[in-house]
Amino acid sequence: MLFLMKPANALLDAVPLARAPGTSLHRQLFVVLRDEIVRGVYATGLLPKEETLCERFGVSRITVRRALADLATQGLVERRHGRGTFVREDHLPQARAWPSLTLIDSLRKTATDTQVQVLRVEQAEPPLEVAALLQIEPGDKAVHALRLRSIDGIPVMLTDAWVPVNLGRRVNATSLRKQALYEILLAQGVKFGRVVQEITAEVSDPVRARLMQTEVGMPLLKIVRVIHDLGARPVQYISVTLTPERSRMLMDIPGETVNTLSTGQFVHQVPSAGAAAGR
């Protein structure tokens, strides 16, 4: 049997929005347009005309206007009478910086450029995954620090860190308001070595939505780092949550490491055919 691939442009043709339980059409359109604004699709700042959006998504003009009104309420666009809908200037795509910092320099820049709010510091039993990565015996405790970093009052990073108890004796709310966690570790003689990093996405729950000033159900970028010392012992587990409209991750991979895991690896978790059929 011969299978013919559709032309690439055919795969990108307009696809009508589908009615789904619990999700209105204007909400779906709002989410799609919001994502396109964040990704810089509208580089000139001008959104398509209402009739163009109606044709592209197969919706009524009322649906389009409700979605545009929600975007305006969020401060993403502004309606100009007789001219159309424009992305607000502070949401237009900016020139992208090139990564040029070492791990320590990057951590230092984050600490310098942001204001920290210490939400929680405690000794607690870490989740099983964290305990395994930090090589902590089940039932043993670690030092847990939850912090929110902002720029001019706007949240940009929620960091959830764990360190072994022997390295976390100086970690408390007072010390974390004065120093970043990496500085406290360095001051104890820890020297950073290997870093294992995982980048995924998650949906904002009510707690994260409130802290990050976003909406419940909106996608968040999640970066997990396990930092080791020069002796290959894990010294810190940290999970960093970001909103994609305010933050991105930059990497610069040297040519000599291009054939190593420094470039990253795609890991897929797809249900087996039997499991999928049993749903």
C-alpha atoms as a PDB file:
ATOM      1  CA  MET A   1       0.000   0.000   0.000  1.00  0.00           C
ATOM      2  CA  LEU A   2       1.353   3.413  -0.947  1.00  0.00           C
ATOM      3  CA  PHE A   3       1.120   6.230   1.611  1.00  0.00           C
ATOM      4  CA  LEU A   4       1.443   9.772   0.349  1.00  0.00           C
ATOM      5  CA  MET A   5       2.713  12.509   2.626  1.00  0.00           C
ATOM      6  CA  LYS A   6       0.755  15.728   2.619  1.00  0.00           C
ATOM      7  CA  PRO A   7       2.704  18.784   1.535  1.00  0.00           C
ATOM      8  CA  ALA A   8       4.183  20.679   4.506  1.00  0.00           C
ATOM      9  CA  ASN A   9       2.004  23.714   3.861  1.00  0.00           C
ATOM     10  CA  ALA A  10      -1.102  21.498   3.863  1.00  0.00           C
ATOM     11  CA  LEU A  11      -0.265  20.335   7.394  1.00  0.00           C
ATOM     12  CA  LEU A  12      -0.256  23.966   8.513  1.00  0.00           C
ATOM     13  CA  ASP A  13      -3.614  24.864   6.981  1.00  0.00           C
ATOM     14  CA  ALA A  14      -6.233  26.469   9.194  1.00  0.00           C
ATOM     15  CA  VAL A  15      -7.882  23.935  11.497  1.00  0.00           C
ATOM     16  CA  PRO A  16     -11.211  24.864  13.130  1.00  0.00           C
ATOM     17  CA  LEU A  17     -11.308  24.848  16.915  1.00  0.00           C
ATOM     18  CA  ALA A  18     -13.221  21.913  18.361  1.00  0.00           C
ATOM     19  CA  ARG A  19     -15.811  22.235  21.071  1.00  0.00           C
ATOM     20  CA  ALA A  20     -14.551  20.449  24.168  1.00  0.00           C
ATOM     21  CA  PRO A  21     -16.285  19.892  27.522  1.00  0.00           C
ATOM     22  CA  GLY A  22     -15.232  22.551  30.015  1.00  0.00           C
ATOM     23  CA  THR A  23     -13.304  24.644  27.481  1.00  0.00           C
ATOM     24  CA  SER A  24     -15.114  27.364  25.575  1.00  0.00           C
ATOM     25  CA  LEU A  25     -14.129  28.311  22.035  1.00  0.00           C
ATOM     26  CA  HIS A  26     -13.132  31.844  23.004  1.00  0.00           C
ATOM     27  CA  ARG A  27     -10.911  30.441  25.763  1.00  0.00           C
ATOM     28  CA  GLN A  28      -9.201  28.089  23.309  1.00  0.00           C
ATOM     29  CA  LEU A  29      -8.638  30.977  20.903  1.00  0.00           C
ATOM     30  CA  PHE A  30      -7.280  33.137  23.726  1.00  0.00           C
ATOM     31  CA  VAL A  31      -4.739  30.461  24.661  1.00  0.00           C
ATOM     32  CA  VAL A  32      -3.610  29.980  21.039  1.00  0.00           C
ATOM     33  CA  LEU A  33      -3.192  33.704  20.376  1.00  0.00           C
ATOM     34  CA  ARG A  34      -1.502  34.239  23.727  1.00  0.00           C
ATOM     35  CA  ASP A  35       1.037  31.535  22.877  1.00  0.00           C
ATOM     36  CA  GLU A  36       1.698  33.072  19.457  1.00  0.00           C
ATOM     37  CA  ILE A  37       2.260  36.481  21.035  1.00  0.00           C
ATOM     38  CA  VAL A  38       4.712  34.993  23.535  1.00  0.00           C
ATOM     39  CA  ARG A  39       6.582  33.183  20.733  1.00  0.00           C
ATOM     40  CA  GLY A  40       6.930  36.411  18.763  1.00  0.00           C
ATOM     41  CA  VAL A  41       4.772  35.322  15.821  1.00  0.00           C
ATOM     42  CA  TYR A  42       3.486  38.886  15.373  1.00  0.00           C
ATOM     43  CA  ALA A  43       6.826  40.618  14.953  1.00  0.00           C
ATOM     44  CA  THR A  44       5.223  43.742  13.471  1.00  0.00           C
ATOM     45  CA  GLY A  45       2.863  43.944  16.428  1.00  0.00           C
ATOM     46  CA  LEU A  46      -0.332  43.785  14.366  1.00  0.00           C
ATOM     47  CA  LEU A  47      -2.659  40.824  14.872  1.00  0.00           C
ATOM     48  CA  PRO A  48      -4.712  39.470  11.946  1.00  0.00           C
ATOM     49  CA  LYS A  49      -8.078  41.069  11.260  1.00  0.00           C
ATOM     50  CA  GLU A  50     -11.136  39.654  12.963  1.00  0.00           C
ATOM     51  CA  GLU A  51     -12.491  38.103   9.766  1.00  0.00           C
ATOM     52  CA  THR A  52      -9.114  36.426   9.141  1.00  0.00           C
ATOM     53  CA  LEU A  53      -9.189  34.871  12.611  1.00  0.00           C
ATOM     54  CA  CYS A  54     -12.782  33.744  12.030  1.00  0.00           C
ATOM     55  CA  GLU A  55     -11.751  31.938   8.843  1.00  0.00           C
ATOM     56  CA  ARG A  56      -8.581  30.458  10.318  1.00  0.00           C
ATOM     57  CA  PHE A  57     -10.233  28.960  13.394  1.00  0.00           C
ATOM     58  CA  GLY A  58     -13.764  28.414  12.112  1.00  0.00           C
ATOM     59  CA  VAL A  59     -15.397  30.544  14.811  1.00  0.00           C
ATOM     60  CA  SER A  60     -17.812  33.450  14.943  1.00  0.00           C
ATOM     61  CA  ARG A  61     -16.830  37.093  15.211  1.00  0.00           C
ATOM     62  CA  ILE A  62     -18.312  37.177  18.729  1.00  0.00           C
ATOM     63  CA  THR A  63     -15.879  34.407  19.770  1.00  0.00           C
ATOM     64  CA  VAL A  64     -12.944  36.309  18.257  1.00  0.00           C
ATOM     65  CA  ARG A  65     -13.916  39.532  19.995  1.00  0.00           C
ATOM     66  CA  ARG A  66     -14.244  37.807  23.373  1.00  0.00           C
ATOM     67  CA  ALA A  67     -10.770  36.277  22.969  1.00  0.00           C
ATOM     68  CA  LEU A  68      -9.266  39.629  21.969  1.00  0.00           C
ATOM     69  CA  ALA A  69     -10.978  41.289  24.917  1.00  0.00           C
ATOM     70  CA  ASP A  70      -9.417  38.734  27.266  1.00  0.00           C
ATOM     71  CA  LEU A  71      -5.997  39.400  25.728  1.00  0.00           C
ATOM     72  CA  ALA A  72      -6.517  43.123  26.292  1.00  0.00           C
ATOM     73  CA  THR A  73      -7.545  42.500  29.916  1.00  0.00           C
ATOM     74  CA  GLN A  74      -4.318  40.534  30.399  1.00  0.00           C
ATOM     75  CA  GLY A  75      -2.364  43.535  29.100  1.00  0.00           C
ATOM     76  CA  LEU A  76      -1.046  41.636  26.072  1.00  0.00           C
ATOM     77  CA  VAL A  77      -2.734  43.664  23.338  1.00  0.00           C
ATOM     78  CA  GLU A  78      -4.449  46.987  22.781  1.00  0.00           C
ATOM     79  CA  ARG A  79      -7.345  47.727  20.452  1.00  0.00           C
ATOM     80  CA  ARG A  80      -6.874  50.811  18.297  1.00  0.00           C
ATOM     81  CA  HIS A  81     -10.083  52.118  16.787  1.00  0.00           C
ATOM     82  CA  GLY A  82     -10.075  51.842  13.022  1.00  0.00           C
ATOM     83  CA  ARG A  83      -6.573  50.333  12.942  1.00  0.00           C
ATOM     84  CA  GLY A  84      -6.847  46.885  14.514  1.00  0.00           C
ATOM     85  CA  THR A  85      -5.417  44.977  17.457  1.00  0.00           C
ATOM     86  CA  PHE A  86      -1.744  45.430  18.341  1.00  0.00           C
ATOM     87  CA  VAL A  87       0.607  43.565  20.663  1.00  0.00           C
ATOM     88  CA  ARG A  88       1.637  45.899  23.470  1.00  0.00           C
ATOM     89  CA  GLU A  89       5.176  47.156  23.044  1.00  0.00           C
ATOM     90  CA  ASP A  90       6.484  45.429  26.172  1.00  0.00           C
ATOM     91  CA  HIS A  91       5.350  42.069  24.732  1.00  0.00           C
ATOM     92  CA  LEU A  92       6.963  42.440  21.305  1.00  0.00           C
ATOM     93  CA  PRO A  93       9.860  40.035  20.625  1.00  0.00           C
ATOM     94  CA  GLN A  94      13.187  41.290  21.948  1.00  0.00           C
ATOM     95  CA  ALA A  95      16.662  40.718  20.589  1.00  0.00           C
ATOM     96  CA  ARG A  96      17.912  37.411  21.965  1.00  0.00           C
ATOM     97  CA  ALA A  97      21.075  37.419  24.025  1.00  0.00           C
ATOM     98  CA  TRP A  98      23.738  34.773  23.462  1.00  0.00           C
ATOM     99  CA  PRO A  99      24.720  32.600  26.436  1.00  0.00           C
ATOM    100  CA  SER A 100      28.206  33.477  27.592  1.00  0.00           C
ATOM    101  CA  LEU A 101      28.319  32.662  31.303  1.00  0.00           C
ATOM    102  CA  THR A 102      29.721  29.782  33.301  1.00  0.00           C
ATOM    103  CA  LEU A 103      27.470  27.969  35.793  1.00  0.00           C
ATOM    104  CA  ILE A 104      28.734  30.065  38.709  1.00  0.00           C
ATOM    105  CA  ASP A 105      28.487  33.308  36.700  1.00  0.00           C
ATOM    106  CA  SER A 106      24.952  32.390  35.662  1.00  0.00           C
ATOM    107  CA  LEU A 107      23.937  31.708  39.268  1.00  0.00           C
ATOM    108  CA  ARG A 108      25.566  34.970  40.356  1.00  0.00           C
ATOM    109  CA  LYS A 109      23.724  36.945  37.670  1.00  0.00           C
ATOM    110  CA  THR A 110      20.402  35.411  38.699  1.00  0.00           C
ATOM    111  CA  ALA A 111      21.021  36.329  42.343  1.00  0.00           C
ATOM    112  CA  THR A 112      22.054  39.879  41.388  1.00  0.00           C
ATOM    113  CA  ASP A 113      19.281  40.593  38.890  1.00  0.00           C
ATOM    114  CA  THR A 114      16.388  39.298  41.004  1.00  0.00           C
ATOM    115  CA  GLN A 115      14.869  39.925  44.410  1.00  0.00           C
ATOM    116  CA  VAL A 116      14.350  36.873  46.594  1.00  0.00           C
ATOM    117  CA  GLN A 117      11.455  35.950  48.851  1.00  0.00           C
ATOM    118  CA  VAL A 118      12.139  32.990  51.128  1.00  0.00           C
ATOM    119  CA  LEU A 119       8.910  31.012  51.362  1.00  0.00           C
ATOM    120  CA  ARG A 120      10.072  28.002  53.378  1.00  0.00           C
ATOM    121  CA  VAL A 121      13.220  26.567  54.955  1.00  0.00           C
ATOM    122  CA  GLU A 122      13.010  23.289  56.851  1.00  0.00           C
ATOM    123  CA  GLN A 123      14.556  19.935  57.530  1.00  0.00           C
ATOM    124  CA  ALA A 124      12.248  17.362  56.015  1.00  0.00           C
ATOM    125  CA  GLU A 125      12.183  13.937  54.415  1.00  0.00           C
ATOM    126  CA  PRO A 126      12.604  14.523  50.673  1.00  0.00           C
ATOM    127  CA  PRO A 127      10.425  12.884  48.030  1.00  0.00           C
ATOM    128  CA  LEU A 128      11.700   9.467  46.985  1.00  0.00           C
ATOM    129  CA  GLU A 129      13.013  10.716  43.632  1.00  0.00           C
ATOM    130  CA  VAL A 130      14.945  13.563  45.289  1.00  0.00           C
ATOM    131  CA  ALA A 131      16.331  11.231  47.965  1.00  0.00           C
ATOM    132  CA  ALA A 132      17.555   8.803  45.306  1.00  0.00           C
ATOM    133  CA  LEU A 133      19.241  11.539  43.260  1.00  0.00           C
ATOM    134  CA  LEU A 134      20.943  12.980  46.357  1.00  0.00           C
ATOM    135  CA  GLN A 135      21.873   9.463  47.542  1.00  0.00           C
ATOM    136  CA  ILE A 136      20.004   9.978  50.814  1.00  0.00           C
ATOM    137  CA  GLU A 137      18.749   6.907  52.641  1.00  0.00           C
ATOM    138  CA  PRO A 138      14.942   6.506  52.771  1.00  0.00           C
ATOM    139  CA  GLY A 139      13.599   8.095  55.950  1.00  0.00           C
ATOM    140  CA  ASP A 140      16.574  10.439  56.381  1.00  0.00           C
ATOM    141  CA  LYS A 141      16.038  14.168  56.213  1.00  0.00           C
ATOM    142  CA  ALA A 142      17.527  16.903  54.023  1.00  0.00           C
ATOM    143  CA  VAL A 143      17.399  20.699  54.097  1.00  0.00           C
ATOM    144  CA  HIS A 144      14.583  22.046  51.952  1.00  0.00           C
ATOM    145  CA  ALA A 145      14.409  25.663  50.717  1.00  0.00           C
ATOM    146  CA  LEU A 146      11.570  27.130  48.655  1.00  0.00           C
ATOM    147  CA  ARG A 147      12.163  30.603  47.214  1.00  0.00           C
ATOM    148  CA  LEU A 148      10.486  32.991  44.791  1.00  0.00           C
ATOM    149  CA  ARG A 149      12.602  35.320  42.674  1.00  0.00           C
ATOM    150  CA  SER A 150      11.143  38.442  41.068  1.00  0.00           C
ATOM    151  CA  ILE A 151      12.190  41.377  38.919  1.00  0.00           C
ATOM    152  CA  ASP A 152      10.516  44.672  39.818  1.00  0.00           C
ATOM    153  CA  GLY A 153       7.778  42.790  41.644  1.00  0.00           C
ATOM    154  CA  ILE A 154       7.065  40.383  38.775  1.00  0.00           C
ATOM    155  CA  PRO A 155       7.753  36.707  39.621  1.00  0.00           C
ATOM    156  CA  VAL A 156      10.190  34.994  37.251  1.00  0.00           C
ATOM    157  CA  MET A 157      11.494  31.927  39.118  1.00  0.00           C
ATOM    158  CA  LEU A 158      10.171  29.546  41.743  1.00  0.00           C
ATOM    159  CA  THR A 159      13.063  27.467  43.091  1.00  0.00           C
ATOM    160  CA  ASP A 160      12.613  24.304  45.140  1.00  0.00           C
ATOM    161  CA  ALA A 161      15.993  23.119  46.453  1.00  0.00           C
ATOM    162  CA  TRP A 162      17.218  20.220  48.606  1.00  0.00           C
ATOM    163  CA  VAL A 163      20.711  19.709  50.026  1.00  0.00           C
ATOM    164  CA  PRO A 164      22.096  17.007  52.344  1.00  0.00           C
ATOM    165  CA  VAL A 165      21.867  17.882  56.045  1.00  0.00           C
ATOM    166  CA  ASN A 166      25.648  18.006  56.489  1.00  0.00           C
ATOM    167  CA  LEU A 167      25.847  20.773  53.871  1.00  0.00           C
ATOM    168  CA  GLY A 168      22.714  22.603  54.966  1.00  0.00           C
ATOM    169  CA  ARG A 169      23.530  23.536  58.563  1.00  0.00           C
ATOM    170  CA  ARG A 170      24.048  27.183  57.612  1.00  0.00           C
ATOM    171  CA  VAL A 171      20.961  27.308  55.410  1.00  0.00           C
ATOM    172  CA  ASN A 172      18.141  29.248  57.042  1.00  0.00           C
ATOM    173  CA  ALA A 173      15.723  32.023  56.090  1.00  0.00           C
ATOM    174  CA  THR A 174      18.081  34.751  57.297  1.00  0.00           C
ATOM    175  CA  SER A 175      21.118  33.439  55.414  1.00  0.00           C
ATOM    176  CA  LEU A 176      19.097  32.907  52.210  1.00  0.00           C
ATOM    177  CA  ARG A 177      17.931  36.530  52.260  1.00  0.00           C
ATOM    178  CA  LYS A 178      21.583  37.609  52.287  1.00  0.00           C
ATOM    179  CA  GLN A 179      23.180  34.950  50.093  1.00  0.00           C
ATOM    180  CA  ALA A 180      22.145  32.617  47.322  1.00  0.00           C
ATOM    181  CA  LEU A 181      22.209  28.917  48.171  1.00  0.00           C
ATOM    182  CA  TYR A 182      25.172  28.268  45.878  1.00  0.00           C
ATOM    183  CA  GLU A 183      27.181  30.929  47.767  1.00  0.00           C
ATOM    184  CA  ILE A 184      26.473  29.228  51.093  1.00  0.00           C
ATOM    185  CA  LEU A 185      27.692  25.924  49.661  1.00  0.00           C
ATOM    186  CA  LEU A 186      30.830  27.482  48.142  1.00  0.00           C
ATOM    187  CA  ALA A 187      31.623  29.170  51.473  1.00  0.00           C
ATOM    188  CA  GLN A 188      31.755  25.684  53.052  1.00  0.00           C
ATOM    189  CA  GLY A 189      34.393  24.582  50.558  1.00  0.00           C
ATOM    190  CA  VAL A 190      32.101  22.783  48.114  1.00  0.00           C
ATOM    191  CA  LYS A 191      33.428  22.867  44.553  1.00  0.00           C
ATOM    192  CA  PHE A 192      30.900  22.223  41.812  1.00  0.00           C
ATOM    193  CA  GLY A 193      31.588  19.529  39.245  1.00  0.00           C
ATOM    194  CA  ARG A 194      29.177  17.536  37.109  1.00  0.00           C
ATOM    195  CA  VAL A 195      25.643  18.863  36.575  1.00  0.00           C
ATOM    196  CA  VAL A 196      22.778  16.664  35.369  1.00  0.00           C
ATOM    197  CA  GLN A 197      19.875  18.688  34.000  1.00  0.00           C
ATOM    198  CA  GLU A 198      16.360  17.815  32.859  1.00  0.00           C
ATOM    199  CA  ILE A 199      13.973  20.194  31.083  1.00  0.00           C
ATOM    200  CA  THR A 200      10.257  19.424  31.069  1.00  0.00           C
ATOM    201  CA  ALA A 201       6.933  21.222  31.265  1.00  0.00           C
ATOM    202  CA  GLU A 202       4.117  21.107  33.787  1.00  0.00           C
ATOM    203  CA  VAL A 203       0.708  22.635  34.299  1.00  0.00           C
ATOM    204  CA  SER A 204       0.354  25.366  36.896  1.00  0.00           C
ATOM    205  CA  ASP A 205      -1.692  24.277  39.893  1.00  0.00           C
ATOM    206  CA  PRO A 206      -3.456  26.842  42.126  1.00  0.00           C
ATOM    207  CA  VAL A 207      -0.378  27.309  44.359  1.00  0.00           C
ATOM    208  CA  ARG A 208       2.080  27.863  41.504  1.00  0.00           C
ATOM    209  CA  ALA A 209      -0.434  30.012  39.636  1.00  0.00           C
ATOM    210  CA  ARG A 210      -0.745  32.323  42.639  1.00  0.00           C
ATOM    211  CA  LEU A 211       2.993  32.521  43.272  1.00  0.00           C
ATOM    212  CA  MET A 212       3.947  32.996  39.611  1.00  0.00           C
ATOM    213  CA  GLN A 213       1.009  35.320  38.917  1.00  0.00           C
ATOM    214  CA  THR A 214      -0.330  33.240  36.080  1.00  0.00           C
ATOM    215  CA  GLU A 215      -3.479  31.213  35.523  1.00  0.00           C
ATOM    216  CA  VAL A 216      -4.348  27.732  36.708  1.00  0.00           C
ATOM    217  CA  GLY A 217      -3.738  25.298  33.883  1.00  0.00           C
ATOM    218  CA  MET A 218      -1.208  27.445  32.030  1.00  0.00           C
ATOM    219  CA  PRO A 219       2.018  25.692  30.945  1.00  0.00           C
ATOM    220  CA  LEU A 220       5.168  26.214  32.975  1.00  0.00           C
ATOM    221  CA  LEU A 221       8.783  25.422  32.113  1.00  0.00           C
ATOM    222  CA  LYS A 222      10.474  23.183  34.675  1.00  0.00           C
ATOM    223  CA  ILE A 223      14.241  22.702  34.919  1.00  0.00           C
ATOM    224  CA  VAL A 224      15.670  20.180  37.359  1.00  0.00           C
ATOM    225  CA  ARG A 225      19.391  20.268  38.165  1.00  0.00           C
ATOM    226  CA  VAL A 226      21.373  17.817  40.238  1.00  0.00           C
ATOM    227  CA  ILE A 227      24.743  19.377  41.049  1.00  0.00           C
ATOM    228  CA  HIS A 228      27.691  17.213  42.115  1.00  0.00           C
ATOM    229  CA  ASP A 229      31.026  18.137  43.665  1.00  0.00           C
ATOM    230  CA  LEU A 230      34.408  17.299  42.160  1.00  0.00           C
ATOM    231  CA  GLY A 231      34.244  13.900  43.842  1.00  0.00           C
ATOM    232  CA  ALA A 232      31.005  13.099  41.974  1.00  0.00           C
ATOM    233  CA  ARG A 233      28.946  13.335  45.195  1.00  0.00           C
ATOM    234  CA  PRO A 234      25.531  15.023  44.748  1.00  0.00           C
ATOM    235  CA  VAL A 235      25.392  18.262  46.746  1.00  0.00           C
ATOM    236  CA  GLN A 236      22.200  19.927  45.558  1.00  0.00           C
ATOM    237  CA  TYR A 237      18.892  19.115  43.893  1.00  0.00           C
ATOM    238  CA  ILE A 238      17.042  22.131  42.573  1.00  0.00           C
ATOM    239  CA  SER A 239      13.831  22.451  40.594  1.00  0.00           C
ATOM    240  CA  VAL A 240      13.273  25.796  38.863  1.00  0.00           C
ATOM    241  CA  THR A 241       9.821  26.731  37.589  1.00  0.00           C
ATOM    242  CA  LEU A 242       9.495  29.473  34.964  1.00  0.00           C
ATOM    243  CA  THR A 243       6.703  30.990  32.912  1.00  0.00           C
ATOM    244  CA  PRO A 244       7.480  30.780  29.173  1.00  0.00           C
ATOM    245  CA  GLU A 245       6.190  34.290  28.503  1.00  0.00           C
ATOM    246  CA  ARG A 246       8.805  35.781  30.861  1.00  0.00           C
ATOM    247  CA  SER A 247      11.738  33.381  30.724  1.00  0.00           C
ATOM    248  CA  ARG A 248      13.651  31.029  28.457  1.00  0.00           C
ATOM    249  CA  MET A 249      16.651  28.727  28.719  1.00  0.00           C
ATOM    250  CA  LEU A 250      19.834  29.466  26.748  1.00  0.00           C
ATOM    251  CA  MET A 251      22.622  26.940  26.165  1.00  0.00           C
ATOM    252  CA  ASP A 252      25.960  27.177  24.364  1.00  0.00           C
ATOM    253  CA  ILE A 253      27.486  23.785  23.579  1.00  0.00           C
ATOM    254  CA  PRO A 254      31.220  23.736  22.693  1.00  0.00           C
ATOM    255  CA  GLY A 255      32.133  21.864  19.537  1.00  0.00           C
ATOM    256  CA  GLU A 256      34.360  19.410  21.381  1.00  0.00           C
ATOM    257  CA  THR A 257      31.384  18.201  23.445  1.00  0.00           C
ATOM    258  CA  VAL A 258      28.836  18.014  20.631  1.00  0.00           C
ATOM    259  CA  ASN A 259      28.926  14.196  20.610  1.00  0.00           C
ATOM    260  CA  THR A 260      28.391  13.864  24.340  1.00  0.00           C
ATOM    261  CA  LEU A 261      25.321  14.095  26.562  1.00  0.00           C
ATOM    262  CA  SER A 262      26.167  17.768  27.086  1.00  0.00           C
ATOM    263  CA  THR A 263      23.983  18.386  24.048  1.00  0.00           C
ATOM    264  CA  GLY A 264      21.044  16.716  25.768  1.00  0.00           C
ATOM    265  CA  GLN A 265      19.010  13.639  24.951  1.00  0.00           C
ATOM    266  CA  PHE A 266      15.336  13.240  24.099  1.00  0.00           C
ATOM    267  CA  VAL A 267      13.640  10.770  26.444  1.00  0.00           C
ATOM    268  CA  HIS A 268      10.137   9.588  25.566  1.00  0.00           C
ATOM    269  CA  GLN A 269       7.571   7.856  27.757  1.00  0.00           C
ATOM    270  CA  VAL A 270       4.878   6.538  25.461  1.00  0.00           C
ATOM    271  CA  PRO A 271       2.192   4.125  26.733  1.00  0.00           C
ATOM    272  CA  SER A 272       2.452   0.629  25.256  1.00  0.00           C
ATOM    273  CA  ALA A 273      -0.113  -0.368  22.658  1.00  0.00           C
ATOM    274  CA  GLY A 274      -1.793  -2.693  25.154  1.00  0.00           C
ATOM    275  CA  ALA A 275      -2.058  -0.014  27.814  1.00  0.00           C
ATOM    276  CA  ALA A 276      -3.406   2.504  25.332  1.00  0.00           C
ATOM    277  CA  ALA A 277      -6.012   0.013  24.056  1.00  0.00           C
ATOM    278  CA  GLY A 278      -7.186  -0.663  27.590  1.00  0.00           C
ATOM    279  CA  ARG A 279      -8.147   2.925  28.249  1.00  0.00           C
END
